[in-house]
Structure formats: structure tokens, C-alpha cells
Amino acid sequence: MKVQKLFVAATYVCQVQRAMKAVQPGVLKHLNVHFFVTHMRVPKLDVSIDELFKLQQWKQLEEFVMDQGSIESSCFPFLAHLKISEVSGDPAAVDLVRLRDALLTSETFQILKIDAHYIGLYENYCAFNVLGGKNLVSDSETKEFINQIPNGGEILVKCSKKCVIFIGNVRNTN
């Protein structure tokens, strides 16, 4: 199958793998996954059990969107080659640090949006401090904070009650 954009609605990660294997390598650029969440389990991407990241189709992706699942921090290095990624989940502060560290080594990374469904990230400001930034903007109406990673402006971290957005650019080669 030759497609550039693939939308997969699935209950298990193995269903996403099967759909991706059906796509000709070198063609797929955008993957959108919607997981059906039951009251018993939330689908989770985990390097130790998933072969998804080994697929040539995954390695050639430019954009990845995952809705209603969660992703283990062990998967973060496998997001670094993407230009745009949007992941729904509840990241812990330590996972945000691991994600930041993985993305700082990426030359192609542009945008990652993590939709945090709980208020704890916003209310516990240490989750922002652990990112290594200082509070540059605080808007009392939107409860939004913008932090800058020390030692340069390669990545701005925008944190709000509902999302954490990492915005980076290709490093200056001048």
C-alpha cells in the first residue's frame, strides 16, 4: 500500500504495527493513532514489548499523533527523528526531563505537544522547574508559564494547565 498519511483506530499496539507493515517503506510520512481506551486498560507504547520502533516505516515518519494512549519514557529517543509529534498522556516530571534530553540531541526536531489530562502538572510547579528553566511569563487568566532552557534558546518550553509544548529548531550552523 502506498500512502503518505495513515490513520489507525486500534485497541492494541500490535494493530498499529500490522497497519504500518502494510505500507510500502519510504512512502509513509504522517501517522495518526487513536487508541480505544477501556476501563480496564490504557494502551501504552513501551520499547520492551513493542516492535513498532524497529519498523522502517516508523524510522521514516515525519509526524506522529497519538490520542488516548500513553507512552513510556523509554520510547522518547524514538521520537527524536520526528519533525512534529503530538502525544496524549500524563507525563511525570522525570519523563519530561528524559524527553527534553532526547530531543536536545535531535537535528530534525521541531514540535512536540503533550496533552496532560491532569491538573497535577500545573499545580506542582516543580515539574516545570525540573525542566531547567526560569519563569519568564505568568498569565493569571490562562495559568500559562513559558520557560527557557538555560544555555541558549534552542528549545522553549510552554507549559499550561492542559499541555506542554516543546518548540525547537535546527541548531545554528553559522
Protein backbone atom coordinates (compact mmCIF):
# COMPACT_ATOMS: atom_id res chain seq x y z
CA MET A 1 0.00 0.00 0.00
CA LYS A 2 1.36 3.46 -0.94
CA VAL A 3 0.06 6.14 1.43
CA GLN A 4 1.67 9.24 2.90
CA LYS A 5 -0.88 9.67 5.72
CA LEU A 6 -2.24 6.80 7.79
CA PHE A 7 -4.97 6.97 10.45
CA VAL A 8 -5.26 3.89 12.66
CA ALA A 9 -8.01 3.33 15.23
CA ALA A 10 -6.87 0.48 17.46
CA THR A 11 -7.20 -1.21 20.81
CA TYR A 12 -3.69 -2.69 20.86
CA VAL A 13 -0.26 -1.55 19.64
CA CYS A 14 0.07 -4.73 17.56
CA GLN A 15 -2.81 -3.47 15.38
CA VAL A 16 -0.84 -0.31 14.64
CA GLN A 17 2.20 -2.42 13.76
CA ARG A 18 0.19 -4.54 11.32
CA ALA A 19 -1.22 -1.44 9.62
CA MET A 20 2.24 0.12 9.28
CA LYS A 21 3.75 -3.08 7.89
CA ALA A 22 1.16 -2.94 5.09
CA VAL A 23 2.53 0.43 3.95
CA GLN A 24 5.42 0.48 1.50
CA PRO A 25 8.63 1.72 3.19
CA GLY A 26 9.73 5.19 2.14
CA VAL A 27 6.21 6.48 1.48
CA LEU A 28 4.51 6.99 4.86
CA LYS A 29 5.20 10.43 6.38
CA HIS A 30 2.29 11.01 8.81
CA LEU A 31 0.84 8.54 11.34
CA ASN A 32 -2.23 9.32 13.45
CA VAL A 33 -3.20 6.69 16.04
CA HIS A 34 -6.40 6.78 18.08
CA PHE A 35 -6.47 4.16 20.82
CA PHE A 36 -9.78 2.93 22.18
CA VAL A 37 -9.42 3.05 25.96
CA THR A 38 -11.40 0.65 28.11
CA HIS A 39 -12.00 0.93 31.84
CA MET A 40 -9.54 -1.93 32.34
CA ARG A 41 -6.52 -0.76 30.34
CA VAL A 42 -4.92 2.20 28.63
CA PRO A 43 -2.84 1.23 25.56
CA LYS A 44 0.81 2.01 26.18
CA LEU A 45 3.84 2.24 23.90
CA ASP A 46 6.80 0.55 25.57
CA VAL A 47 10.12 -0.26 23.89
CA SER A 48 10.49 -3.54 25.76
CA ILE A 49 7.34 -5.06 24.22
CA ASP A 50 6.76 -3.14 21.01
CA GLU A 51 8.41 -3.78 17.67
CA LEU A 52 6.85 -0.61 16.26
CA PHE A 53 10.04 1.45 16.55
CA LYS A 54 12.08 -1.12 14.63
CA LEU A 55 9.94 -0.79 11.50
CA GLN A 56 11.49 1.06 8.57
CA GLN A 57 8.15 2.83 8.16
CA TRP A 58 8.48 4.26 11.70
CA LYS A 59 12.04 5.43 11.11
CA GLN A 60 10.91 7.36 8.02
CA LEU A 61 7.95 9.10 9.70
CA GLU A 62 7.94 12.88 9.92
CA GLU A 63 4.82 13.34 12.04
CA PHE A 64 3.23 11.19 14.75
CA VAL A 65 -0.03 11.88 16.61
CA MET A 66 -1.29 9.55 19.34
CA ASP A 67 -4.62 10.09 21.07
CA GLN A 68 -5.86 8.34 24.21
CA GLY A 69 -2.81 6.19 24.88
CA SER A 70 0.31 6.61 26.96
CA ILE A 71 3.98 6.35 26.17
CA GLU A 72 6.84 5.12 28.35
CA SER A 73 9.91 7.33 28.73
CA SER A 74 11.99 4.53 27.20
CA CYS A 75 10.30 5.42 23.89
CA PHE A 76 11.41 9.07 23.86
CA PRO A 77 14.62 8.53 21.86
CA PHE A 78 12.43 7.00 19.13
CA LEU A 79 10.52 10.30 18.81
CA ALA A 80 13.65 12.40 18.25
CA HIS A 81 13.75 11.89 14.46
CA LEU A 82 10.24 13.33 14.04
CA LYS A 83 9.55 16.90 12.99
CA ILE A 84 6.14 17.03 14.71
CA SER A 85 4.68 14.78 17.36
CA GLU A 86 1.57 15.05 19.49
CA VAL A 87 1.04 12.59 22.31
CA SER A 88 -1.85 12.40 24.73
CA GLY A 89 -0.90 11.27 28.21
CA ASP A 90 0.07 12.15 31.77
CA PRO A 91 3.83 12.80 31.81
CA ALA A 92 5.77 12.77 35.06
CA ALA A 93 8.40 15.44 35.65
CA VAL A 94 11.22 12.90 35.34
CA ASP A 95 9.80 11.80 31.97
CA LEU A 96 9.75 15.41 30.78
CA VAL A 97 13.45 15.69 31.61
CA ARG A 98 14.22 12.48 29.72
CA LEU A 99 12.21 13.74 26.77
CA ARG A 100 13.99 17.09 26.82
CA ASP A 101 17.38 15.35 26.90
CA ALA A 102 16.45 13.06 23.99
CA LEU A 103 15.19 15.96 21.88
CA LEU A 104 18.18 18.20 22.54
CA THR A 105 20.27 15.72 20.55
CA SER A 106 17.92 15.79 17.55
CA GLU A 107 18.78 17.85 14.49
CA THR A 108 15.33 17.48 12.89
CA PHE A 109 13.02 18.01 15.87
CA GLN A 110 10.62 20.93 15.60
CA ILE A 111 7.47 20.49 17.69
CA LEU A 112 6.17 18.08 20.31
CA LYS A 113 2.89 18.63 22.08
CA ILE A 114 2.00 16.58 25.13
CA ASP A 115 -1.61 16.90 26.24
CA ALA A 116 -1.57 16.42 30.01
CA HIS A 117 -5.02 15.42 31.21
CA TYR A 118 -4.46 16.10 34.87
CA ILE A 119 -4.08 19.30 36.83
CA GLY A 120 -1.22 17.97 38.97
CA LEU A 121 1.39 19.01 36.40
CA TYR A 122 0.16 22.60 36.50
CA GLU A 123 -0.33 22.76 40.25
CA ASN A 124 3.05 21.19 41.01
CA TYR A 125 5.38 23.84 39.64
CA CYS A 126 8.43 21.69 40.39
CA ALA A 127 7.50 19.77 37.23
CA PHE A 128 8.34 22.97 35.35
CA ASN A 129 11.43 23.77 37.42
CA VAL A 130 12.87 20.32 36.75
CA LEU A 131 12.97 21.28 33.08
CA GLY A 132 15.79 23.65 33.99
CA GLY A 133 14.09 26.90 33.09
CA LYS A 134 13.03 30.06 34.81
CA ASN A 135 9.56 31.52 34.82
CA LEU A 136 9.51 34.11 32.03
CA VAL A 137 5.76 34.69 31.71
CA SER A 138 2.90 34.05 34.11
CA ASP A 139 -0.59 34.92 32.94
CA SER A 140 -3.08 34.64 35.80
CA GLU A 141 -6.04 34.18 33.46
CA THR A 142 -4.64 31.31 31.41
CA LYS A 143 -2.29 29.93 34.10
CA GLU A 144 0.38 29.63 31.45
CA PHE A 145 4.12 29.58 32.04
CA ILE A 146 6.89 29.84 29.49
CA ASN A 147 10.34 28.57 30.40
CA GLN A 148 13.59 28.77 28.53
CA ILE A 149 16.15 26.01 28.83
CA PRO A 150 19.44 27.53 30.09
CA ASN A 151 22.44 27.94 27.78
CA GLY A 152 20.67 29.10 24.68
CA GLY A 153 17.33 29.42 23.01
CA GLU A 154 17.26 26.12 21.14
CA ILE A 155 14.13 24.98 22.92
CA LEU A 156 11.33 26.92 24.55
CA VAL A 157 9.03 25.01 26.83
CA LYS A 158 5.46 26.24 27.02
CA CYS A 159 3.60 24.79 29.97
CA SER A 160 -0.06 25.29 30.75
CA LYS A 161 -2.78 23.50 32.66
CA LYS A 162 -3.67 21.43 29.59
CA CYS A 163 -0.49 20.99 27.59
CA VAL A 164 3.26 21.08 27.49
CA ILE A 165 4.66 22.15 24.14
CA PHE A 166 8.34 21.80 23.32
CA ILE A 167 9.34 24.02 20.41
CA GLY A 168 12.80 23.69 18.94
CA ASN A 169 14.65 24.46 15.76
CA VAL A 170 17.61 23.14 13.85
CA ARG A 171 20.82 24.24 15.52
CA ASN A 172 22.59 27.27 14.11
CA THR A 173 25.46 26.07 11.93
CA ASN A 174 26.95 29.53 11.26
